[in-house]
Protein backbone atom coordinates (compact mmCIF):
# COMPACT_ATOMS: atom_id res chain seq x y z
CA MET A 1 15.10 16.85 -15.05
CA ILE A 2 13.97 14.65 -12.16
CA LYS A 3 16.58 14.54 -9.40
CA THR A 4 17.08 10.94 -8.29
CA ILE A 5 19.07 9.11 -5.62
CA ILE A 6 19.74 5.37 -5.70
CA VAL A 7 20.23 3.72 -2.29
CA ASP A 8 21.48 0.13 -2.24
CA ASP A 9 24.41 -1.50 -0.43
CA GLU A 10 25.22 -3.70 -3.44
CA ALA A 11 27.20 -2.02 -6.22
CA PRO A 12 25.81 -4.28 -9.01
CA ALA A 13 22.25 -3.33 -7.98
CA ARG A 14 23.09 0.39 -8.12
CA GLU A 15 24.76 -0.06 -11.50
CA LEU A 16 21.74 -1.94 -12.87
CA MET A 17 19.31 0.75 -11.73
CA ARG A 18 21.50 3.46 -13.23
CA SER A 19 21.74 1.62 -16.57
CA LEU A 20 17.97 1.00 -16.70
CA LEU A 21 17.20 4.67 -16.04
CA GLN A 22 19.71 5.77 -18.67
CA ARG A 23 18.42 3.25 -21.21
CA TYR A 24 14.67 3.75 -20.82
CA PHE A 25 14.47 7.31 -19.47
CA ASN A 26 17.38 9.12 -21.06
CA ASN A 27 17.23 12.92 -20.56
CA LYS A 28 14.44 12.53 -17.97
CA PHE A 29 16.39 11.71 -14.79
CA ILE A 30 19.54 13.12 -13.28
CA ILE A 31 21.10 10.77 -10.73
CA VAL A 32 22.54 13.15 -8.13
CA ALA A 33 23.89 10.41 -5.83
CA GLU A 34 24.35 6.65 -5.45
CA CYS A 35 24.56 5.58 -1.82
CA ALA A 36 25.71 2.34 -0.20
CA SER A 37 24.81 3.15 3.41
CA ILE A 38 22.04 4.70 5.48
CA LYS A 39 24.29 7.53 6.73
CA GLU A 40 25.50 8.37 3.23
CA ALA A 41 21.93 8.36 1.93
CA GLN A 42 20.74 10.66 4.71
CA ASP A 43 23.52 13.14 3.97
CA GLN A 44 22.87 13.10 0.21
CA ILE A 45 19.10 13.46 0.60
CA GLU A 46 19.50 16.46 2.89
CA LEU A 47 22.09 17.97 0.54
CA ASN A 48 20.42 17.36 -2.84
CA GLN A 49 16.68 17.44 -2.01
CA PRO A 50 15.75 14.76 -4.58
CA ASP A 51 12.38 14.28 -6.27
CA LEU A 52 12.60 10.48 -6.22
CA VAL A 53 14.58 7.93 -4.18
CA PHE A 54 15.02 4.28 -5.15
CA LEU A 55 15.41 2.70 -1.72
CA ASP A 56 16.56 -0.83 -0.94
CA ILE A 57 14.61 -2.28 2.00
CA LYS A 58 17.25 -4.49 3.59
CA MET A 59 20.91 -3.52 3.69
CA LYS A 60 23.89 -4.67 5.73
CA ASN A 61 23.94 -1.56 7.88
CA GLY A 62 20.18 -1.20 8.43
CA SER A 63 16.94 -0.97 6.49
CA GLY A 64 15.44 1.60 4.19
CA PHE A 65 12.82 2.17 6.89
CA ASP A 66 15.61 3.17 9.30
CA LEU A 67 16.64 5.84 6.81
CA LEU A 68 13.12 7.26 6.61
CA LYS A 69 12.91 7.45 10.42
CA ARG A 70 16.08 9.54 10.50
CA LEU A 71 14.76 12.24 8.18
CA ASP A 72 13.08 15.34 9.59
CA LYS A 73 11.30 16.05 6.30
CA ILE A 74 10.25 13.70 3.52
CA GLN A 75 9.51 15.78 0.46
CA PHE A 76 10.26 13.19 -2.18
CA GLU A 77 8.63 10.12 -3.67
CA VAL A 78 9.95 6.67 -2.74
CA ILE A 79 10.10 3.51 -4.84
CA PHE A 80 11.29 0.60 -2.70
CA THR A 81 13.43 -2.18 -4.13
CA THR A 82 13.62 -5.58 -2.46
CA ALA A 83 14.21 -9.27 -3.00
CA TYR A 84 12.06 -10.51 -0.12
CA SER A 85 10.23 -9.61 3.15
CA GLU A 86 6.56 -10.42 2.70
CA PHE A 87 5.52 -8.44 5.78
CA ALA A 88 7.30 -5.30 4.61
CA LEU A 89 5.68 -5.58 1.17
CA GLU A 90 2.22 -5.77 2.74
CA ALA A 91 2.92 -2.62 4.75
CA ILE A 92 4.12 -0.87 1.59
CA LYS A 93 0.98 -1.89 -0.31
CA GLN A 94 -1.31 -0.73 2.49
CA SER A 95 0.45 2.64 2.46
CA ALA A 96 -0.13 3.05 -1.29
CA LEU A 97 3.60 3.26 -2.00
CA ASP A 98 5.41 1.68 -4.94
CA TYR A 99 7.97 -1.12 -4.93
CA LEU A 100 10.05 -3.16 -7.36
CA LEU A 101 11.03 -6.78 -6.81
CA LYS A 102 14.62 -7.79 -7.51
CA PRO A 103 15.86 -8.69 -10.01
CA ILE A 104 14.21 -5.61 -11.45
CA ASN A 105 12.14 -6.12 -14.56
CA PRO A 106 12.36 -3.15 -16.99
CA ALA A 107 8.60 -3.38 -17.65
CA ASP A 108 7.88 -3.04 -13.90
CA LEU A 109 10.25 -0.08 -13.69
CA ILE A 110 8.49 1.66 -16.58
CA ILE A 111 5.11 1.20 -14.84
CA ALA A 112 6.47 2.54 -11.53
CA ILE A 113 7.97 5.60 -13.24
CA LYS A 114 4.72 6.28 -15.08
CA LYS A 115 2.84 6.21 -11.76
CA PHE A 116 5.44 8.55 -10.27
CA GLU A 117 4.97 11.03 -13.12
CA GLU A 118 1.20 11.02 -12.60
CA LYS A 119 1.51 11.96 -8.94
CA ASN A 120 1.89 15.43 -7.48
CA LEU A 121 4.54 15.72 -4.79
CA ASN A 122 2.78 17.16 -1.77
CA ARG A 123 2.21 16.66 1.95
CA PHE A 124 0.29 13.44 1.36
CA GLU A 125 3.55 11.68 0.48
CA LEU A 126 4.70 12.39 4.04
CA ASP A 127 1.38 11.03 5.34
CA ARG A 128 1.92 7.77 3.48
CA ILE A 129 5.52 7.42 4.74
CA ARG A 130 4.30 7.97 8.29
CA LEU A 131 1.56 5.41 7.73
CA LEU A 132 4.10 2.88 6.46
CA LEU A 133 6.34 3.33 9.51
CA GLU A 134 3.36 3.14 11.87
CA ASN A 135 2.13 -0.11 10.30
CA LEU A 136 5.60 -1.61 10.47
CA GLU A 137 5.96 -0.74 14.15
CA THR A 138 2.53 -2.00 15.22
CA GLY A 139 3.02 -5.26 13.30
CA SER A 140 0.49 -7.93 14.25
CA LYS A 141 -0.53 -6.22 17.51
CA GLU A 142 -3.41 -4.44 15.83
CA TYR A 143 -4.92 -4.21 12.39
CA PRO A 144 -3.08 -1.77 10.11
CA LYS A 145 -4.20 1.49 8.62
CA ILE A 146 -4.67 1.52 4.86
CA ALA A 147 -4.21 4.46 2.48
CA PHE A 148 -7.24 4.87 0.22
CA PRO A 149 -6.93 7.43 -2.62
CA ALA A 150 -9.27 10.40 -2.32
CA SER A 151 -9.77 13.61 -4.29
CA GLU A 152 -7.81 15.62 -1.71
CA GLY A 153 -5.02 13.04 -1.28
CA TYR A 154 -5.44 9.88 0.79
CA LYS A 155 -7.76 8.69 3.55
CA LEU A 156 -5.82 6.78 6.20
CA ILE A 157 -8.30 4.24 7.59
CA ARG A 158 -7.71 1.47 10.12
CA ALA A 159 -8.99 -1.82 8.72
CA SER A 160 -10.96 -2.66 11.88
CA THR A 161 -13.10 0.50 11.44
CA ILE A 162 -14.43 -0.71 8.06
CA LYS A 163 -17.90 -2.24 8.33
CA TYR A 164 -18.19 -3.56 4.78
CA CYS A 165 -17.23 -2.79 1.19
CA VAL A 166 -19.45 -3.05 -1.88
CA ALA A 167 -18.35 -3.23 -5.51
CA ASP A 168 -19.49 -0.76 -8.16
CA ILE A 169 -17.85 -1.95 -11.42
CA ASN A 170 -14.26 -0.57 -11.18
CA TYR A 171 -15.01 1.36 -8.00
CA THR A 172 -15.65 0.30 -4.40
CA LYS A 173 -17.77 1.98 -1.75
CA ILE A 174 -16.26 1.72 1.74
CA HIS A 175 -18.76 1.80 4.62
CA LEU A 176 -17.30 2.65 8.03
CA ILE A 177 -18.50 1.75 11.51
CA ASP A 178 -19.29 5.41 12.28
CA GLY A 179 -21.93 5.41 9.51
CA THR A 180 -19.93 7.38 6.94
CA SER A 181 -18.84 6.05 3.56
CA PHE A 182 -16.64 7.01 0.63
CA VAL A 183 -15.87 5.71 -2.87
CA VAL A 184 -12.42 4.71 -4.11
CA SER A 185 -11.26 4.01 -7.66
CA LYS A 186 -10.15 0.46 -6.90
CA THR A 187 -11.89 -2.83 -7.64
CA LEU A 188 -13.25 -4.92 -4.79
CA LYS A 189 -10.65 -7.57 -5.60
CA ARG A 190 -7.87 -5.01 -5.06
CA ILE A 191 -9.45 -3.89 -1.77
CA GLU A 192 -9.67 -7.54 -0.68
CA GLU A 193 -5.92 -7.92 -1.25
CA LEU A 194 -5.24 -4.98 1.09
CA LEU A 195 -7.53 -6.03 3.96
CA PRO A 196 -6.52 -8.64 6.58
CA MET A 197 -7.84 -12.07 5.55
CA GLU A 198 -8.64 -13.11 9.13
CA LEU A 199 -10.93 -10.12 9.65
CA PHE A 200 -12.89 -9.90 6.38
CA ILE A 201 -14.99 -12.44 4.50
CA ARG A 202 -16.51 -12.25 1.02
CA PRO A 203 -20.05 -13.68 1.13
CA HIS A 204 -20.90 -12.41 -2.33
CA LYS A 205 -18.93 -11.28 -5.38
CA SER A 206 -19.99 -7.70 -4.65
CA TYR A 207 -19.38 -7.57 -0.88
CA LEU A 208 -16.58 -7.74 1.68
CA VAL A 209 -17.68 -7.80 5.32
CA ASN A 210 -15.93 -7.22 8.64
CA GLN A 211 -16.69 -10.38 10.64
CA ASN A 212 -16.85 -8.37 13.88
CA MET A 213 -19.86 -6.54 12.46
CA ILE A 214 -21.93 -9.71 11.95
CA LYS A 215 -24.56 -10.52 14.57
CA ALA A 216 -26.68 -13.18 12.83
CA TYR A 217 -27.34 -15.34 9.81
CA SER A 218 -30.76 -15.26 8.16
CA ASN A 219 -32.25 -17.70 5.65
CA LYS A 220 -35.58 -15.91 5.40
CA GLU A 221 -36.32 -15.19 1.74
CA GLY A 222 -32.73 -15.97 0.82
CA HIS A 223 -29.41 -16.13 2.64
CA PHE A 224 -28.11 -13.02 4.44
CA LEU A 225 -25.60 -11.85 7.00
CA VAL A 226 -27.26 -9.52 9.51
CA LEU A 227 -24.97 -6.78 10.78
CA VAL A 228 -25.04 -5.14 14.22
CA ASN A 229 -27.05 -2.22 12.80
CA ASN A 230 -29.51 -4.70 11.17
CA GLU A 231 -28.26 -4.14 7.63
CA GLN A 232 -28.44 -7.31 5.54
CA ILE A 233 -25.62 -8.46 3.28
CA PRO A 234 -26.53 -11.13 0.69
CA ILE A 235 -24.76 -14.51 0.63
CA SER A 236 -24.46 -16.12 -2.79
CA SER A 237 -25.67 -19.73 -3.05
CA ARG A 238 -22.24 -21.08 -3.95
CA LYS A 239 -20.69 -19.26 -0.96
CA LYS A 240 -23.25 -20.31 1.66
CA ASN A 241 -21.48 -23.37 3.09
CA GLU A 242 -18.08 -21.66 3.12
CA ILE A 243 -19.45 -18.58 4.91
CA LEU A 244 -21.40 -20.60 7.48
CA THR A 245 -18.23 -22.55 8.29
CA GLN A 246 -16.37 -19.28 8.85
CA ILE A 247 -18.90 -17.56 11.07
CA LEU A 248 -20.40 -20.43 13.08
């Protein structure tokens, strides 16, 4: 049985989550505690050592992030639940953590649980929680770090250190400023959703480029962006005017 704690300051929300788990995942989860406050949740987590916590982001007595900051060890998976907070959701996405929007759709819950079951609980969960809290604290002062899945766990990469990304069917190759690269099992469209819009442009269906890495535009034998290391990134014909407006 998977030990679970539900943290939400609204009793109807806790009751709904409990009923959904019992209806769709009977005999799979044991709910060891239902908590209405940050302090109560901290005590129950330390006492019960759960495998999974459903954590409301914004509560009357603090946020779910405040709870995570209080814990010395995070050895459980987190699925956030929230009705709003666009900024918080972006930080959660960048940290490769799961969330459910209220009111909770059973189909979304089933998908989130399936993803949970496919994961191995290990030290990389703590890395992703730390990344989430770091991104929340830095806010707009600097570009966030993003968690990219890797064979050994996750690579935590700051967006500004990415030179460009290139699509390879359902995979994407990430090229970094230091000259290294790695492949992730995400489409370029998904990577584009994670990266800051003001920093990256898409000159071609197969490329995303860090604007700070562009040093010139070339129309010799086609249309290209020339990067600081003289690499050339193609610009599609239909994108030419849009890209020139962005970089000039």
